[in-house]
């Protein structure tokens, strides 16, 4: 009987020790899980803080870039107004030149008639001795009053001839001055239009660069905001897990204490059930931890997976020929010039080349500088290549289609769509080179 009591006491002591050990192990597992989740919270807090600073910085960059873009848009608007004014002045100058030409034609007729009259009088003086006739005309006077009258007649004739000569010189000088002034105005407006077109191209390039930068910054900001949202979700999950683990740890500790009390009054089977409960709880915790780890790895793999960039298409080396496009270019000969024009009602230089090449399925950049930049540069041009010019030597401001024999066709401010020579005194010094599409 005593032996049974000893064995029973020893068994109870052993069971109580086992239960205490199991409870301690379980509490350590909960503490470790809580520490891991709190560490996750701390790390995600730092990442969220860094991302918020990045987002704020990107927002400042976006705002600054948008302000710069607004300023560029205002400059473009002002430049377009200046271009419109220059084109308007150019059109007025052409109208003035037309009116002046009509006046010049009329003056030339008057001048020609005066020349005939003066030549006729000169011949008469040489052949008939008109000076002697004037003297005889005065001597033949019958009275003093008649002499005075005849002297007045002779004076009037001589004075009239002098007036004719002076008027002839004055009108000829006036014609020359008007022609020079109008030609100078047209040249100035042509140069101004070319300069403004170059400025417009530069502003459009700046506008494009700023728009791309705004898009890039917006994309970076969106990425950072998505990262912040992901870390906020991870932080929330970790905080929720901490709360659940603390509650579970307390519940498990309370259950262990209750079980320990019951062991003093009940049979040894409750100890086994408590161990099974502890083991099941541990497996559940490990399973949840493994699942969370797999989710995190899957998200990381999805984020690091990026599509490979596609290679840029290679440019064709054959090129457009004059035979392919000549009918389309000749079909719009004489079309007037208009800055920004790209239809058959009016063209500017790049609008004309874009129209012609578009007829054979070749798309060109809209500006002369853009067409030069995207073309395949050639040193031995052939008909159908583009020829480029620069008004100021720093950027391309004009483009035409080379047709061979040193000539090209293009939309010029003074003539509209017309043929001209590459090597004239005007175009020759401005030649930049040739490009092929």
Protein backbone atom coordinates (compact mmCIF):
# COMPACT_ATOMS: atom_id res chain seq x y z
CA UNK A 1 0.00 0.00 0.00
CA UNK A 2 2.82 2.35 0.89
CA UNK A 3 4.58 1.45 -2.37
CA UNK A 4 1.44 2.34 -4.32
CA UNK A 5 1.24 5.68 -2.53
CA UNK A 6 4.89 6.45 -3.34
CA UNK A 7 4.45 5.54 -7.03
CA UNK A 8 1.32 7.63 -7.21
CA UNK A 9 3.09 10.61 -5.64
CA UNK A 10 6.07 10.25 -7.95
CA UNK A 11 3.81 9.98 -10.97
CA UNK A 12 1.94 13.13 -9.96
CA UNK A 13 5.22 15.00 -9.48
CA UNK A 14 6.45 13.85 -12.88
CA UNK A 15 3.20 14.82 -14.59
CA UNK A 16 3.19 18.23 -12.96
CA UNK A 17 6.83 18.78 -14.02
CA UNK A 18 6.04 17.75 -17.59
CA UNK A 19 3.06 20.09 -17.70
CA UNK A 20 5.15 22.99 -16.34
CA UNK A 21 7.86 22.32 -18.94
CA UNK A 22 5.30 22.17 -21.76
CA UNK A 23 3.70 25.40 -20.59
CA UNK A 24 7.11 27.15 -20.53
CA UNK A 25 7.99 25.91 -24.03
CA UNK A 26 4.64 27.08 -25.36
CA UNK A 27 5.08 30.50 -23.72
CA UNK A 28 8.55 30.82 -25.31
CA UNK A 29 7.10 30.05 -28.74
CA UNK A 30 4.45 32.74 -28.31
CA UNK A 31 7.08 35.24 -27.13
CA UNK A 32 9.31 34.47 -30.12
CA UNK A 33 6.41 34.93 -32.54
CA UNK A 34 5.45 38.20 -30.84
CA UNK A 35 9.05 39.45 -31.06
CA UNK A 36 9.23 38.54 -34.77
CA UNK A 37 6.00 40.41 -35.52
CA UNK A 38 7.09 43.44 -33.51
CA UNK A 39 10.40 43.40 -35.39
CA UNK A 40 8.39 43.32 -38.65
CA UNK A 41 6.35 46.29 -37.42
CA UNK A 42 9.52 48.23 -36.62
CA UNK A 43 11.11 47.46 -40.00
CA UNK A 44 7.97 48.30 -41.96
CA UNK A 45 7.65 51.54 -39.98
CA UNK A 46 11.12 52.57 -41.14
CA UNK A 47 10.35 51.60 -44.75
CA UNK A 48 7.03 53.45 -44.63
CA UNK A 49 8.78 56.53 -43.23
CA UNK A 50 11.43 56.40 -45.99
CA UNK A 51 8.76 55.92 -48.64
CA UNK A 52 6.74 58.84 -47.32
CA UNK A 53 9.84 61.05 -47.54
CA UNK A 54 10.41 59.78 -51.09
CA UNK A 55 6.75 60.47 -52.00
CA UNK A 56 6.95 63.99 -50.55
CA UNK A 57 10.17 64.66 -52.48
CA UNK A 58 8.63 63.31 -55.69
CA UNK A 59 5.55 65.47 -55.16
CA UNK A 60 7.79 68.54 -54.87
CA UNK A 61 9.62 67.50 -58.07
CA UNK A 62 6.29 66.96 -59.85
CA UNK A 63 5.02 70.38 -58.74
CA UNK A 64 8.25 72.12 -59.82
CA UNK A 65 8.27 70.34 -63.17
CA UNK A 66 4.60 71.14 -63.76
CA UNK A 67 5.35 74.82 -63.00
CA UNK A 68 8.24 74.73 -65.48
CA UNK A 69 5.95 73.05 -68.02
CA UNK A 70 3.34 75.77 -67.49
CA UNK A 71 6.00 78.43 -68.08
CA UNK A 72 7.10 76.65 -71.28
CA UNK A 73 3.48 76.45 -72.45
CA UNK A 74 3.16 80.21 -71.89
CA UNK A 75 6.38 80.78 -73.86
CA UNK A 76 5.00 78.59 -76.66
CA UNK A 77 1.77 80.59 -76.67
CA UNK A 78 3.66 83.90 -76.79
CA UNK A 79 5.95 82.60 -79.53
CA UNK A 80 2.95 81.43 -81.57
CA UNK A 81 1.52 84.95 -81.32
CA UNK A 82 4.84 86.38 -82.52
CA UNK A 83 4.88 83.89 -85.38
CA UNK A 84 1.33 84.86 -86.34
CA UNK A 85 2.34 88.54 -86.30
CA UNK A 86 5.43 87.81 -88.40
CA UNK A 87 3.39 85.81 -90.92
CA UNK A 88 0.81 88.61 -91.04
CA UNK A 89 3.54 91.19 -91.67
CA UNK A 90 5.04 88.94 -94.32
CA UNK A 91 1.70 88.65 -96.09
CA UNK A 92 1.28 92.43 -95.92
CA UNK A 93 4.78 92.90 -97.30
CA UNK A 94 3.95 90.61 -100.22
CA UNK A 95 0.75 92.60 -100.87
CA UNK A 96 2.73 95.85 -100.67
CA UNK A 97 5.26 94.41 -103.09
CA UNK A 98 2.44 93.54 -105.48
CA UNK A 99 0.93 97.05 -105.18
CA UNK A 100 4.38 98.61 -105.52
CA UNK A 101 5.03 96.56 -108.63
CA UNK A 102 1.86 97.94 -110.16
CA UNK A 103 2.99 101.49 -109.22
CA UNK A 104 6.43 100.76 -110.63
CA UNK A 105 4.90 99.56 -113.88
CA UNK A 106 2.85 102.77 -114.12
CA UNK A 107 5.89 104.95 -113.27
CA UNK A 108 7.98 103.14 -115.85
CA UNK A 109 5.36 103.96 -118.48
CA UNK A 110 5.44 107.65 -117.45
CA UNK A 111 9.23 107.62 -117.37
CA UNK A 112 9.34 106.03 -120.81
CA UNK A 113 7.05 108.71 -122.22
CA UNK A 114 9.20 111.44 -120.66
CA UNK A 115 12.30 109.84 -122.11
CA UNK A 116 10.72 109.87 -125.54
CA UNK A 117 9.71 113.53 -125.13
CA UNK A 118 13.16 114.57 -123.89
CA UNK A 119 14.93 112.60 -126.64
CA UNK A 120 12.64 114.17 -129.23
CA UNK A 121 13.44 117.66 -127.99
CA UNK A 122 17.15 116.88 -127.85
CA UNK A 123 17.10 115.64 -131.44
CA UNK A 124 15.20 118.74 -132.53
CA UNK A 125 17.75 121.06 -130.89
CA UNK A 126 20.61 119.16 -132.57
CA UNK A 127 18.97 118.96 -136.01
CA UNK A 128 16.95 122.18 -136.24
CA UNK A 129 19.11 124.43 -134.07
CA UNK A 130 16.21 125.17 -131.73
CA UNK A 131 18.30 127.63 -129.68
CA UNK A 132 18.79 129.81 -132.78
CA UNK A 133 15.09 129.50 -133.51
CA UNK A 134 14.34 130.77 -130.00
CA UNK A 135 16.56 133.89 -130.66
CA UNK A 136 14.99 134.52 -134.08
CA UNK A 137 11.56 134.09 -132.48
CA UNK A 138 12.34 136.92 -130.03
CA UNK A 139 14.01 139.20 -132.64
CA UNK A 140 11.00 138.92 -134.95
CA UNK A 141 8.82 140.51 -132.30
CA UNK A 142 6.90 143.56 -133.64
CA UNK A 143 6.82 145.53 -130.34
CA UNK A 144 8.26 145.75 -126.86
CA UNK A 145 5.25 144.05 -125.36
CA UNK A 146 5.51 141.34 -128.02
CA UNK A 147 9.22 140.85 -127.10
CA UNK A 148 8.37 140.45 -123.42
CA UNK A 149 5.61 137.98 -124.26
CA UNK A 150 7.90 135.94 -126.49
CA UNK A 151 10.62 135.87 -123.80
CA UNK A 152 8.05 134.48 -121.33
CA UNK A 153 7.07 131.78 -123.85
CA UNK A 154 10.73 130.76 -124.31
CA UNK A 155 11.31 130.75 -120.51
CA UNK A 156 8.26 128.56 -119.97
CA UNK A 157 9.43 126.07 -122.57
CA UNK A 158 12.91 125.84 -121.02
CA UNK A 159 11.44 125.62 -117.48
CA UNK A 160 9.08 122.84 -118.55
CA UNK A 161 11.98 120.81 -119.87
CA UNK A 162 13.86 121.28 -116.62
CA UNK A 163 10.83 120.16 -114.62
CA UNK A 164 10.52 117.09 -116.81
CA UNK A 165 14.14 116.19 -116.14
CA UNK A 166 13.79 116.71 -112.37
CA UNK A 167 10.56 114.70 -112.23
CA UNK A 168 12.24 111.96 -114.23
CA UNK A 169 15.13 111.72 -111.76
CA UNK A 170 12.81 111.91 -108.72
CA UNK A 171 10.47 109.16 -109.96
CA UNK A 172 13.34 106.88 -110.88
CA UNK A 173 14.88 107.32 -107.41
CA UNK A 174 11.49 106.74 -105.75
CA UNK A 175 11.05 103.46 -107.64
CA UNK A 176 14.49 102.26 -106.54
CA UNK A 177 13.91 103.22 -102.89
CA UNK A 178 10.49 101.54 -102.72
CA UNK A 179 11.82 98.34 -104.25
CA UNK A 180 14.76 98.21 -101.85
CA UNK A 181 12.59 98.95 -98.80
CA UNK A 182 10.00 96.29 -99.65
CA UNK A 183 12.63 93.67 -100.46
CA UNK A 184 14.36 94.46 -97.17
CA UNK A 185 11.04 94.02 -95.29
CA UNK A 186 10.40 90.65 -96.91
CA UNK A 187 13.93 89.47 -96.08
CA UNK A 188 13.59 90.58 -92.46
CA UNK A 189 10.23 88.86 -92.03
CA UNK A 190 11.54 85.68 -93.65
CA UNK A 191 14.48 85.64 -91.23
CA UNK A 192 12.18 86.39 -88.29
CA UNK A 193 9.79 83.61 -89.28
CA UNK A 194 12.69 81.15 -89.55
CA UNK A 195 14.07 82.26 -86.16
CA UNK A 196 10.66 81.98 -84.49
CA UNK A 197 10.14 78.55 -86.03
CA UNK A 198 13.47 77.45 -84.54
CA UNK A 199 12.48 78.84 -81.13
CA UNK A 200 9.16 77.03 -81.40
CA UNK A 201 10.93 73.74 -82.10
CA UNK A 202 13.19 74.25 -79.08
CA UNK A 203 10.22 75.04 -76.84
CA UNK A 204 8.31 72.02 -78.13
CA UNK A 205 11.35 69.85 -77.38
CA UNK A 206 11.55 71.30 -73.86
CA UNK A 207 7.82 70.76 -73.46
CA UNK A 208 8.17 67.12 -74.52
CA UNK A 209 11.08 66.58 -72.12
CA UNK A 210 9.14 68.10 -69.21
CA UNK A 211 6.04 66.05 -70.02
CA UNK A 212 8.16 62.88 -70.06
CA UNK A 213 9.76 63.91 -66.75
CA UNK A 214 6.34 64.56 -65.18
CA UNK A 215 5.18 61.12 -66.35
CA UNK A 216 8.33 59.47 -64.96
CA UNK A 217 7.97 61.25 -61.61
CA UNK A 218 4.28 60.34 -61.46
CA UNK A 219 5.16 56.70 -62.16
CA UNK A 220 7.85 56.70 -59.46
CA UNK A 221 5.43 58.31 -57.03
CA UNK A 222 2.73 55.73 -57.86
CA UNK A 223 5.26 52.93 -57.32
CA UNK A 224 6.34 54.40 -53.98
CA UNK A 225 2.70 54.80 -52.91
CA UNK A 226 1.99 51.18 -53.86
CA UNK A 227 5.04 50.07 -51.84
CA UNK A 228 3.86 52.14 -48.89
CA UNK A 229 0.39 50.57 -49.11
CA UNK A 230 1.95 47.11 -49.19
CA UNK A 231 4.09 47.83 -46.13
CA UNK A 232 1.14 49.37 -44.32
CA UNK A 233 -0.78 46.17 -44.97
CA UNK A 234 2.16 44.11 -43.67
CA UNK A 235 2.35 46.34 -40.59
CA UNK A 236 -1.38 46.01 -39.96
CA UNK A 237 -1.16 42.21 -40.33
CA UNK A 238 1.80 42.09 -37.92
CA UNK A 239 0.01 44.29 -35.37
CA UNK A 240 -3.08 42.11 -35.63
CA UNK A 241 -0.91 39.02 -35.21
CA UNK A 242 0.72 40.51 -32.08
CA UNK A 243 -2.68 41.15 -30.53
CA UNK A 244 -3.85 37.66 -31.40
CA UNK A 245 -0.63 36.06 -30.13
CA UNK A 246 -0.73 37.95 -26.82
CA UNK A 247 -4.36 36.92 -26.35
CA UNK A 248 -3.58 33.33 -27.31
CA UNK A 249 -0.57 33.27 -24.99
CA UNK A 250 -2.71 34.46 -22.09
CA UNK A 251 -5.44 32.00 -22.93
CA UNK A 252 -2.91 29.17 -23.17
CA UNK A 253 -1.33 30.16 -19.86
CA UNK A 254 -4.73 30.30 -18.19
CA UNK A 255 -5.66 26.94 -19.68
CA UNK A 256 -2.37 25.49 -18.43
CA UNK A 257 -2.96 26.82 -14.92
CA UNK A 258 -6.51 25.46 -14.90
CA UNK A 259 -5.29 22.14 -16.19
CA UNK A 260 -2.60 22.04 -13.49
CA UNK A 261 -5.19 22.61 -10.81
CA UNK A 262 -7.41 19.89 -12.24
CA UNK A 263 -4.51 17.46 -12.23
CA UNK A 264 -4.41 17.61 -8.45
CA UNK A 265 -7.95 16.27 -8.21
CA UNK A 266 -8.46 14.32 -11.44
CA UNK A 267 -6.78 11.38 -13.08
CA UNK A 268 -3.59 11.55 -15.19
CA UNK A 269 -5.48 11.59 -18.52
CA UNK A 270 -5.97 15.40 -18.38
CA UNK A 271 -2.19 15.84 -18.56
CA UNK A 272 -2.12 13.97 -21.86
CA UNK A 273 -4.99 16.05 -23.24
CA UNK A 274 -3.16 19.27 -22.25
CA UNK A 275 -0.02 18.14 -24.10
CA UNK A 276 -2.12 17.32 -27.21
CA UNK A 277 -3.71 20.79 -26.99
CA UNK A 278 -0.29 22.44 -26.66
CA UNK A 279 1.10 20.41 -29.59
CA UNK A 280 -1.90 21.28 -31.76
CA UNK A 281 -1.57 24.99 -30.92
CA UNK A 282 2.16 24.91 -31.78
CA UNK A 283 1.48 23.23 -35.13
CA UNK A 284 -1.20 25.82 -35.96
CA UNK A 285 1.21 28.66 -35.18
CA UNK A 286 3.93 27.09 -37.34
CA UNK A 287 1.46 26.53 -40.18
CA UNK A 288 0.31 30.17 -40.08
CA UNK A 289 3.92 31.36 -39.98
CA UNK A 290 4.82 29.19 -42.99
CA UNK A 291 1.77 30.46 -44.92
CA UNK A 292 2.68 34.10 -44.22
CA UNK A 293 6.26 33.44 -45.32
CA UNK A 294 5.09 31.85 -48.60
CA UNK A 295 2.80 34.81 -49.32
CA UNK A 296 5.65 37.26 -48.73
CA UNK A 297 7.98 35.28 -51.04
CA UNK A 298 5.31 35.13 -53.77
CA UNK A 299 4.77 38.91 -53.58
CA UNK A 300 8.53 39.51 -53.73
CA UNK A 301 8.86 37.29 -56.82
CA UNK A 302 5.95 39.08 -58.51
CA UNK A 303 7.51 42.48 -57.81
CA UNK A 304 10.98 41.56 -59.04
CA UNK A 305 9.62 40.03 -62.24
CA UNK A 306 9.80 42.66 -64.97
CA UNK A 307 9.15 42.36 -68.71
CA UNK A 308 12.23 42.48 -70.90
CA UNK A 309 12.44 45.60 -73.10
CA UNK A 310 11.66 45.07 -76.77
CA UNK A 311 14.49 45.85 -79.20
CA UNK A 312 14.03 48.94 -81.34
CA UNK A 313 13.17 48.24 -85.00
CA UNK A 314 16.04 48.65 -87.45
CA UNK A 315 15.77 51.45 -89.99
CA UNK A 316 15.44 50.57 -93.66
CA UNK A 317 18.50 51.39 -95.78
CA UNK A 318 16.66 51.48 -99.16
CA UNK A 319 15.02 54.89 -98.81
CA UNK A 320 12.24 56.72 -100.64
CA UNK A 321 13.01 57.67 -104.27
CA UNK A 322 11.94 60.74 -106.22
CA UNK A 323 10.07 58.51 -108.64
CA UNK A 324 7.78 57.37 -105.81
CA UNK A 325 6.87 60.86 -104.60
CA UNK A 326 7.36 63.25 -107.54
CA UNK A 327 3.69 63.21 -108.60
CA UNK A 328 2.54 64.09 -105.09
CA UNK A 329 5.09 66.91 -104.74
CA UNK A 330 4.33 68.37 -108.17
CA UNK A 331 0.62 68.07 -107.46
CA UNK A 332 0.81 70.85 -104.85
CA UNK A 333 3.17 73.22 -106.70
CA UNK A 334 2.25 76.85 -105.99
CA UNK A 335 0.47 76.08 -102.70
CA UNK A 336 1.00 79.15 -100.45
CA UNK A 337 3.18 79.12 -97.35
CA UNK A 338 1.60 79.19 -93.87
CA UNK A 339 3.44 78.48 -90.65
CA UNK A 340 2.02 75.26 -89.17
CA UNK A 341 0.28 74.42 -92.46
CA UNK A 342 0.11 70.73 -93.35
CA UNK A 343 -2.75 70.49 -95.87
CA UNK A 344 -3.13 71.28 -99.56
CA UNK A 345 -4.57 74.68 -98.67
CA UNK A 346 -1.24 75.85 -97.19
CA UNK A 347 2.08 74.29 -96.09
CA UNK A 348 5.12 75.13 -94.04
CA UNK A 349 8.40 73.39 -94.92
CA UNK A 350 8.07 70.32 -92.67
CA UNK A 351 4.32 70.12 -93.29
CA UNK A 352 5.01 69.80 -97.04
CA UNK A 353 7.61 67.03 -96.67
CA UNK A 354 5.40 65.17 -94.16
CA UNK A 355 2.46 65.38 -96.60
CA UNK A 356 4.46 64.09 -99.57
CA UNK A 357 6.18 61.22 -97.71
CA UNK A 358 2.92 60.32 -96.00
CA UNK A 359 1.45 59.58 -99.44
CA UNK A 360 3.85 56.61 -99.75
CA UNK A 361 3.32 55.42 -96.19
CA UNK A 362 6.37 57.05 -94.57
CA UNK A 363 5.65 59.00 -91.38
CA UNK A 364 8.04 61.89 -90.64
CA UNK A 365 8.49 63.96 -87.46
CA UNK A 366 6.53 67.23 -87.66
CA UNK A 367 9.44 69.71 -87.43
CA UNK A 368 12.45 70.28 -89.70
CA UNK A 369 14.85 69.65 -86.80
CA UNK A 370 13.00 66.46 -85.88
CA UNK A 371 13.14 65.18 -89.48
CA UNK A 372 16.87 65.85 -89.60
CA UNK A 373 17.49 64.09 -86.27
CA UNK A 374 15.55 60.96 -87.28
CA UNK A 375 16.92 60.67 -90.84
CA UNK A 376 19.77 58.48 -92.09
CA UNK A 377 22.51 61.00 -92.93
CA UNK A 378 24.03 60.66 -96.44
CA UNK A 379 26.95 62.46 -98.07
CA UNK A 380 26.02 61.58 -101.67
CA UNK A 381 22.36 62.61 -101.99
CA UNK A 382 20.05 61.11 -104.55
CA UNK A 383 16.67 62.40 -105.74
CA UNK A 384 14.10 61.72 -103.05
CA UNK A 385 16.40 62.48 -100.10
CA UNK A 386 15.65 65.41 -97.80
CA UNK A 387 17.91 68.48 -97.78
CA UNK A 388 18.28 70.51 -94.58
CA UNK A 389 19.23 74.15 -93.90
CA UNK A 390 19.97 76.29 -90.83
CA UNK A 391 19.30 80.02 -90.61
CA UNK A 392 21.58 80.57 -87.61
CA UNK A 393 24.03 77.67 -87.80
CA UNK A 394 22.94 76.13 -84.48
CA UNK A 395 19.78 74.22 -85.41
CA UNK A 396 17.94 73.01 -88.51
CA UNK A 397 15.21 75.49 -89.51
CA UNK A 398 14.23 74.47 -93.06
CA UNK A 399 13.77 71.26 -95.07
CA UNK A 400 13.01 70.39 -98.69
CA UNK A 401 13.10 67.40 -101.06
CA UNK A 402 16.22 67.02 -103.19
CA UNK A 403 15.34 66.36 -106.87
CA UNK A 404 18.83 66.13 -108.38
CA UNK A 405 21.13 68.48 -110.33
CA UNK A 406 21.57 70.71 -107.30
CA UNK A 407 17.85 71.57 -107.03
CA UNK A 408 15.14 70.92 -104.45
CA UNK A 409 11.43 71.50 -103.98
CA UNK A 410 10.06 72.91 -100.75
CA UNK A 411 7.58 75.28 -99.10
CA UNK A 412 9.37 78.64 -98.83
CA UNK A 413 7.94 81.67 -97.02
CA UNK A 414 8.39 83.90 -100.09
CA UNK A 415 7.20 81.56 -102.86
CA UNK A 416 5.12 78.79 -101.32
CA UNK A 417 5.78 75.32 -102.79
CA UNK A 418 8.35 75.83 -105.56
CA UNK A 419 11.61 74.56 -107.04
CA UNK A 420 14.88 76.34 -106.31
CA UNK A 421 18.62 75.68 -106.22
CA UNK A 422 20.45 74.30 -103.19
CA UNK A 423 23.47 76.50 -103.87
CA UNK A 424 21.92 79.96 -104.37
CA UNK A 425 23.41 82.91 -102.55
CA UNK A 426 20.57 82.60 -100.04
CA UNK A 427 20.41 78.81 -99.47
CA UNK A 428 24.01 77.83 -100.13
CA UNK A 429 25.54 79.28 -96.92
CA UNK A 430 22.69 77.76 -94.86
CA UNK A 431 23.09 74.17 -96.14
CA UNK A 432 23.46 71.59 -93.32
CA UNK A 433 23.27 68.26 -95.16
CA UNK A 434 21.05 65.49 -96.49
CA UNK A 435 18.97 62.74 -94.89
CA UNK A 436 17.25 59.63 -96.19
CA UNK A 437 14.04 57.82 -95.14
